[in-house]
Amino acid sequence: MNSKLASGVLTALIYVQVVLCFAGAATVLLRDRVSAQNVAAETVVPADAVRL
């Protein structure tokens, strides 16, 4: 009975670690995306540099 309880606890801890890993990765990706959008919005391109 104790080994089943320990197994369940360890399984739950592994699931929690995986969820936290995904949350951390999503946070980094979204933060990089927002900062890239801010840089693009603040970039000024001279009118004579754009020729079609």
C-alpha atoms as a PDB file:
ATOM      1  CA  MET A   1       0.000   0.000   0.000  1.00  0.00           C
ATOM      2  CA  ASN A   2       2.832   2.416   0.811  1.00  0.00           C
ATOM      3  CA  SER A   3       4.539   1.797  -2.511  1.00  0.00           C
ATOM      4  CA  LYS A   4       1.299   2.606  -4.392  1.00  0.00           C
ATOM      5  CA  LEU A   5       0.955   5.835  -2.428  1.00  0.00           C
ATOM      6  CA  ALA A   6       4.577   6.774  -3.100  1.00  0.00           C
ATOM      7  CA  SER A   7       4.130   5.947  -6.773  1.00  0.00           C
ATOM      8  CA  GLY A   8       1.042   8.155  -6.971  1.00  0.00           C
ATOM      9  CA  VAL A   9       2.806  11.043  -5.260  1.00  0.00           C
ATOM     10  CA  LEU A  10       5.817  10.812  -7.555  1.00  0.00           C
ATOM     11  CA  THR A  11       3.576  10.629 -10.620  1.00  0.00           C
ATOM     12  CA  ALA A  12       1.709  13.742  -9.486  1.00  0.00           C
ATOM     13  CA  LEU A  13       4.993  15.576  -8.928  1.00  0.00           C
ATOM     14  CA  ILE A  14       6.184  14.650 -12.426  1.00  0.00           C
ATOM     15  CA  TYR A  15       2.926  15.925 -13.950  1.00  0.00           C
ATOM     16  CA  VAL A  16       3.249  19.183 -12.032  1.00  0.00           C
ATOM     17  CA  GLN A  17       6.838  19.593 -13.200  1.00  0.00           C
ATOM     18  CA  VAL A  18       5.808  19.065 -16.836  1.00  0.00           C
ATOM     19  CA  VAL A  19       2.998  21.624 -16.531  1.00  0.00           C
ATOM     20  CA  LEU A  20       5.364  24.178 -14.972  1.00  0.00           C
ATOM     21  CA  CYS A  21       7.896  23.539 -17.738  1.00  0.00           C
ATOM     22  CA  PHE A  22       5.291  24.246 -20.426  1.00  0.00           C
ATOM     23  CA  ALA A  23       4.120  27.352 -18.580  1.00  0.00           C
ATOM     24  CA  GLY A  24       7.681  28.641 -18.353  1.00  0.00           C
ATOM     25  CA  ALA A  25       8.342  28.009 -22.033  1.00  0.00           C
ATOM     26  CA  ALA A  26       5.097  29.741 -22.998  1.00  0.00           C
ATOM     27  CA  THR A  27       6.005  32.728 -20.831  1.00  0.00           C
ATOM     28  CA  VAL A  28       9.407  33.100 -22.489  1.00  0.00           C
ATOM     29  CA  LEU A  29       7.971  32.737 -25.988  1.00  0.00           C
ATOM     30  CA  LEU A  30       5.184  35.242 -25.377  1.00  0.00           C
ATOM     31  CA  ARG A  31       7.553  37.747 -23.743  1.00  0.00           C
ATOM     32  CA  ASP A  32       9.942  37.525 -26.717  1.00  0.00           C
ATOM     33  CA  ARG A  33       7.040  37.973 -29.113  1.00  0.00           C
ATOM     34  CA  VAL A  34       5.790  41.083 -27.324  1.00  0.00           C
ATOM     35  CA  SER A  35       9.262  42.647 -27.191  1.00  0.00           C
ATOM     36  CA  ALA A  36       9.761  41.936 -30.909  1.00  0.00           C
ATOM     37  CA  GLN A  37       6.456  43.665 -31.696  1.00  0.00           C
ATOM     38  CA  ASN A  38       7.494  46.677 -29.605  1.00  0.00           C
ATOM     39  CA  VAL A  39      10.810  46.941 -31.442  1.00  0.00           C
ATOM     40  CA  ALA A  40       9.051  46.703 -34.794  1.00  0.00           C
ATOM     41  CA  ALA A  41       6.520  49.370 -33.782  1.00  0.00           C
ATOM     42  CA  GLU A  42       9.261  51.747 -32.598  1.00  0.00           C
ATOM     43  CA  THR A  43      11.473  51.328 -35.662  1.00  0.00           C
ATOM     44  CA  VAL A  44      11.470  54.365 -37.939  1.00  0.00           C
ATOM     45  CA  VAL A  45      12.271  53.803 -41.596  1.00  0.00           C
ATOM     46  CA  PRO A  46      13.190  56.872 -43.644  1.00  0.00           C
ATOM     47  CA  ALA A  47      10.873  57.537 -46.566  1.00  0.00           C
ATOM     48  CA  ASP A  48      13.696  57.510 -49.127  1.00  0.00           C
ATOM     49  CA  ALA A  49      14.828  54.056 -47.936  1.00  0.00           C
ATOM     50  CA  VAL A  50      11.597  52.470 -49.154  1.00  0.00           C
ATOM     51  CA  ARG A  51      11.481  52.336 -52.942  1.00  0.00           C
ATOM     52  CA  LEU A  52       9.038  50.136 -54.757  1.00  0.00           C
END
